[in-house]
């Protein structure tokens, strides 16, 4: 049986946090990562425009790469366009949505924050997850205007100052009646790229919930477990801009298993 092709798609490189887990779960698969850097960041788009853009681009990617499964490794895109993609295309899509249910089940203080892009925290989809799965927790929604951009800059070797990161996450830390936030849902795939730094500047210890392991498990549920092979196909990465990564970015991408040529575009 041939190895499946899995397409992992994000507006930028945040989806690498998801890609890493999928690569570990299905090392035999042909993995194709597409960064829609021309359109980054998605949070700045109008909903209708983004929905049309993502659906049109996905049609091109499916025609070019013939995937057996597509992972939308972006909360903003998933909460907006998954339904339309599943309607238009006859292959499985795995989305990325805020991990509110497991976070609330884990919380001891019952104070949980959801840290996402401004677009994600405004979505009715996110609010519906809270209504269905809060399990008695008080949920604080925090829309960060800059954190995804800071994560992309980190991969370029241009780290943001601690003070800038601290401003983005400060509203997540809530104290109420002797209790305080103990769980923060990372509702943007870019944010786990900064997990170590965020933990270092947090005013008190919290658990950051990354959805990537659950996404990888869902991929395995749909495609089955890995099969033994002599050599796994090399992963591919493509940028919709066709640009060349910076040296620092290339080094970071090498840590995810990519071997870049002079330019990787659609």
Protein backbone atom coordinates (compact mmCIF):
# COMPACT_ATOMS: atom_id res chain seq x y z
CA UNK A 1 0.00 0.00 0.00
CA UNK A 2 1.56 3.36 -0.98
CA UNK A 3 2.36 5.89 1.70
CA UNK A 4 -0.34 8.51 2.10
CA UNK A 5 0.26 12.15 1.22
CA UNK A 6 -0.65 14.56 4.01
CA UNK A 7 -0.92 18.26 3.25
CA UNK A 8 -0.44 20.58 6.23
CA UNK A 9 -1.59 24.14 5.59
CA UNK A 10 -1.22 27.38 7.56
CA UNK A 11 -1.02 31.10 6.91
CA UNK A 12 2.63 31.03 7.98
CA UNK A 13 4.98 28.75 9.88
CA UNK A 14 2.94 28.30 13.05
CA UNK A 15 1.57 25.06 11.66
CA UNK A 16 5.03 23.56 12.02
CA UNK A 17 4.04 22.78 15.61
CA UNK A 18 1.30 20.55 14.18
CA UNK A 19 3.52 19.23 11.38
CA UNK A 20 6.07 18.04 13.97
CA UNK A 21 3.50 15.88 15.76
CA UNK A 22 2.13 14.45 12.51
CA UNK A 23 5.64 13.63 11.31
CA UNK A 24 6.25 11.72 14.54
CA UNK A 25 2.95 9.86 14.27
CA UNK A 26 3.22 9.01 10.54
CA UNK A 27 6.94 9.05 9.67
CA UNK A 28 6.20 6.89 6.64
CA UNK A 29 3.91 9.46 5.00
CA UNK A 30 4.75 11.95 2.29
CA UNK A 31 4.35 15.26 4.13
CA UNK A 32 3.79 18.53 2.31
CA UNK A 33 3.71 21.80 4.26
CA UNK A 34 2.31 24.95 2.65
CA UNK A 35 2.75 28.38 4.22
CA UNK A 36 0.41 30.97 2.74
CA UNK A 37 2.84 33.75 3.57
CA UNK A 38 1.42 36.01 0.87
CA UNK A 39 -1.75 36.30 2.95
CA UNK A 40 -0.23 36.29 6.47
CA UNK A 41 -1.67 37.16 8.94
CA UNK A 42 -5.15 35.74 8.41
CA UNK A 43 -6.50 37.60 11.43
CA UNK A 44 -6.37 40.85 9.45
CA UNK A 45 -8.71 39.58 6.72
CA UNK A 46 -12.44 40.17 6.38
CA UNK A 47 -14.29 36.88 6.89
CA UNK A 48 -15.82 36.63 3.44
CA UNK A 49 -12.58 37.50 1.68
CA UNK A 50 -10.60 34.95 3.70
CA UNK A 51 -13.15 32.22 3.10
CA UNK A 52 -12.99 32.76 -0.66
CA UNK A 53 -9.20 33.03 -0.69
CA UNK A 54 -8.67 29.86 1.34
CA UNK A 55 -11.13 27.80 -0.72
CA UNK A 56 -9.61 28.94 -4.03
CA UNK A 57 -6.06 28.32 -2.83
CA UNK A 58 -6.98 24.90 -1.48
CA UNK A 59 -8.30 23.91 -4.90
CA UNK A 60 -4.89 24.74 -6.38
CA UNK A 61 -3.02 22.85 -3.66
CA UNK A 62 -5.15 19.73 -3.98
CA UNK A 63 -4.63 19.72 -7.75
CA UNK A 64 -0.86 20.21 -7.35
CA UNK A 65 -0.12 17.76 -4.52
CA UNK A 66 -2.96 15.18 -4.62
CA UNK A 67 -3.17 14.71 -0.84
CA UNK A 68 -5.02 11.87 0.84
CA UNK A 69 -5.79 14.15 3.80
CA UNK A 70 -5.47 17.87 4.54
CA UNK A 71 -4.71 19.38 7.93
CA UNK A 72 -5.74 23.02 8.35
CA UNK A 73 -3.12 23.91 10.97
CA UNK A 74 -4.64 27.32 11.67
CA UNK A 75 -7.36 28.16 14.17
CA UNK A 76 -8.53 31.27 12.30
CA UNK A 77 -8.96 29.42 9.00
CA UNK A 78 -10.45 26.32 10.63
CA UNK A 79 -13.18 28.18 12.49
CA UNK A 80 -14.16 29.95 9.29
CA UNK A 81 -13.66 27.70 6.26
CA UNK A 82 -13.66 24.04 7.32
CA UNK A 83 -17.35 23.54 6.58
CA UNK A 84 -16.98 24.97 3.08
CA UNK A 85 -13.83 22.94 2.35
CA UNK A 86 -15.55 19.73 3.41
CA UNK A 87 -18.49 20.59 1.20
CA UNK A 88 -16.35 21.34 -1.86
CA UNK A 89 -13.72 18.61 -1.72
CA UNK A 90 -14.10 14.84 -1.43
CA UNK A 91 -11.25 14.10 0.96
CA UNK A 92 -10.87 14.31 4.72
CA UNK A 93 -9.96 17.62 6.39
CA UNK A 94 -8.67 17.86 9.95
CA UNK A 95 -9.05 21.29 11.49
CA UNK A 96 -7.54 23.09 14.45
CA UNK A 97 -9.93 24.51 17.00
CA UNK A 98 -9.35 25.82 20.53
CA UNK A 99 -8.81 22.91 22.93
CA UNK A 100 -11.40 24.19 25.39
CA UNK A 101 -12.90 20.83 26.40
CA UNK A 102 -9.64 19.15 27.54
CA UNK A 103 -8.38 22.38 29.11
CA UNK A 104 -11.47 22.75 31.26
CA UNK A 105 -11.31 19.09 32.26
CA UNK A 106 -7.71 19.66 33.44
CA UNK A 107 -8.29 22.87 35.38
CA UNK A 108 -8.21 22.74 39.15
CA UNK A 109 -8.92 26.43 39.75
CA UNK A 110 -11.71 26.55 37.13
CA UNK A 111 -10.12 29.68 35.70
CA UNK A 112 -9.10 29.02 32.09
CA UNK A 113 -7.87 31.48 29.48
CA UNK A 114 -8.04 31.06 25.71
CA UNK A 115 -5.21 32.89 23.97
CA UNK A 116 -5.81 33.27 20.24
CA UNK A 117 -5.77 35.79 17.44
CA UNK A 118 -8.28 38.59 17.60
CA UNK A 119 -10.23 36.87 14.83
CA UNK A 120 -10.37 33.47 16.53
CA UNK A 121 -11.66 34.73 19.86
CA UNK A 122 -14.43 36.69 18.11
CA UNK A 123 -15.74 33.68 16.20
CA UNK A 124 -19.11 32.25 17.12
CA UNK A 125 -17.46 28.83 16.73
CA UNK A 126 -15.19 29.59 19.69
CA UNK A 127 -18.07 30.84 21.81
CA UNK A 128 -20.08 27.73 21.00
CA UNK A 129 -17.19 25.56 22.25
CA UNK A 130 -17.28 27.50 25.52
CA UNK A 131 -21.03 27.06 25.89
CA UNK A 132 -20.75 23.32 25.22
CA UNK A 133 -17.55 22.42 27.07
CA UNK A 134 -16.74 24.97 29.79
CA UNK A 135 -17.73 22.44 32.46
CA UNK A 136 -18.23 25.11 35.09
CA UNK A 137 -15.02 26.99 34.29
CA UNK A 138 -14.81 30.74 33.92
CA UNK A 139 -13.27 31.36 30.49
CA UNK A 140 -11.25 34.47 29.68
CA UNK A 141 -10.92 35.11 25.94
CA UNK A 142 -7.74 36.97 24.99
CA UNK A 143 -7.19 38.14 21.43
CA UNK A 144 -3.53 38.88 20.81
CA UNK A 145 -2.85 41.33 17.98
CA UNK A 146 0.89 40.63 17.68
CA UNK A 147 1.88 37.23 19.08
CA UNK A 148 1.70 35.33 15.76
CA UNK A 149 3.90 37.97 14.15
CA UNK A 150 6.37 37.64 17.03
CA UNK A 151 6.47 33.85 16.52
CA UNK A 152 7.28 34.27 12.83
CA UNK A 153 10.00 36.77 13.75
CA UNK A 154 11.45 34.28 16.23
CA UNK A 155 11.99 31.80 13.40
CA UNK A 156 13.74 34.50 11.39
CA UNK A 157 16.19 35.04 14.24
CA UNK A 158 14.52 38.31 15.27
CA UNK A 159 13.10 37.56 18.74
CA UNK A 160 10.69 40.00 20.35
CA UNK A 161 11.56 41.55 23.69
CA UNK A 162 10.25 39.82 26.81
CA UNK A 163 8.30 42.96 27.66
CA UNK A 164 6.46 42.81 24.33
CA UNK A 165 5.52 39.17 24.84
CA UNK A 166 4.44 39.88 28.42
CA UNK A 167 2.02 42.57 27.24
CA UNK A 168 0.37 40.10 24.86
CA UNK A 169 -0.26 37.43 27.49
CA UNK A 170 -0.91 39.60 30.59
CA UNK A 171 -4.75 39.50 30.25
CA UNK A 172 -4.64 35.69 30.44
CA UNK A 173 -3.61 35.77 34.10
CA UNK A 174 -6.71 36.24 36.22
CA UNK A 175 -7.14 36.11 39.99
CA UNK A 176 -10.58 35.71 41.54
CA UNK A 177 -11.64 34.85 45.09
CA UNK A 178 -8.30 33.33 45.98
CA UNK A 179 -8.03 31.31 42.76
CA UNK A 180 -5.99 32.11 39.70
CA UNK A 181 -5.69 30.96 36.12
CA UNK A 182 -4.01 27.57 35.88
CA UNK A 183 -4.62 26.64 32.21
CA UNK A 184 -4.03 28.68 29.06
CA UNK A 185 -5.29 27.29 25.76
CA UNK A 186 -2.94 28.19 22.92
CA UNK A 187 -5.58 28.85 20.26
CA UNK A 188 -3.13 29.69 17.49
CA UNK A 189 -0.63 27.18 16.12
CA UNK A 190 2.05 29.88 16.09
CA UNK A 191 2.00 30.26 19.85
CA UNK A 192 3.61 26.92 20.84
CA UNK A 193 6.71 28.12 18.97
CA UNK A 194 7.05 30.55 21.88
CA UNK A 195 6.01 28.19 24.70
CA UNK A 196 9.35 28.18 26.50
CA UNK A 197 9.59 31.96 26.42
CA UNK A 198 5.98 32.41 27.53
CA UNK A 199 6.52 30.05 30.46
CA UNK A 200 9.61 32.02 31.44
CA UNK A 201 7.79 35.36 31.63
CA UNK A 202 4.50 34.12 33.12
CA UNK A 203 3.70 35.78 36.47
CA UNK A 204 2.93 32.36 37.93
CA UNK A 205 3.17 28.75 36.64
CA UNK A 206 0.40 27.64 34.30
CA UNK A 207 -0.15 24.77 31.89
CA UNK A 208 -0.16 25.79 28.24
CA UNK A 209 -2.39 23.48 26.18
CA UNK A 210 -1.13 22.78 22.67
CA UNK A 211 -3.66 21.12 20.31
CA UNK A 212 -1.00 19.55 18.06
CA UNK A 213 -0.84 16.08 19.71
CA UNK A 214 -4.62 15.71 19.46
CA UNK A 215 -4.53 16.69 15.78
CA UNK A 216 -1.88 14.05 15.08
CA UNK A 217 -4.02 11.44 16.84
CA UNK A 218 -6.97 12.39 14.63
CA UNK A 219 -4.80 11.99 11.52
CA UNK A 220 -3.87 8.48 12.66
CA UNK A 221 -7.54 7.71 13.35
CA UNK A 222 -8.40 8.61 9.76
CA UNK A 223 -5.38 7.16 7.93
CA UNK A 224 -4.28 4.37 10.22
CA UNK A 225 -0.98 3.76 11.94
CA UNK A 226 2.42 4.10 10.30
CA UNK A 227 3.72 1.28 8.14
CA UNK A 228 7.34 0.15 8.18
CA UNK A 229 9.30 1.41 5.18
CA UNK A 230 12.95 1.40 4.18
CA UNK A 231 13.10 5.19 3.81
CA UNK A 232 10.43 7.79 4.46
CA UNK A 233 9.91 10.42 1.75
CA UNK A 234 11.60 13.74 2.50
CA UNK A 235 9.11 16.35 3.70
CA UNK A 236 8.39 19.26 1.40
CA UNK A 237 7.73 22.90 2.26
CA UNK A 238 6.26 25.49 -0.08
CA UNK A 239 5.66 29.23 0.34
CA UNK A 240 2.89 30.86 -1.67
CA UNK A 241 5.20 33.86 -2.20
CA UNK A 242 7.98 31.70 -3.63
CA UNK A 243 10.46 33.60 -1.48
CA UNK A 244 13.72 32.23 -0.13
CA UNK A 245 13.84 31.78 3.66
CA UNK A 246 16.46 33.74 5.56
CA UNK A 247 19.51 31.81 6.82
CA UNK A 248 18.10 31.79 10.36
CA UNK A 249 14.75 30.58 9.08
CA UNK A 250 16.40 27.88 6.98
CA UNK A 251 18.24 26.67 10.07
CA UNK A 252 14.99 26.56 12.03
CA UNK A 253 13.25 24.68 9.23
CA UNK A 254 16.08 22.15 9.13
CA UNK A 255 15.22 21.31 12.73
CA UNK A 256 11.79 20.25 11.48
CA UNK A 257 13.36 17.98 8.87
CA UNK A 258 13.20 20.17 5.77
CA UNK A 259 16.01 20.35 3.23
CA UNK A 260 15.44 23.53 1.25
CA UNK A 261 16.38 24.16 -2.34
CA UNK A 262 16.90 27.62 -3.82
CA UNK A 263 13.17 28.36 -3.70
CA UNK A 264 10.11 26.40 -2.68
CA UNK A 265 6.89 27.77 -4.13
CA UNK A 266 3.61 26.41 -5.33
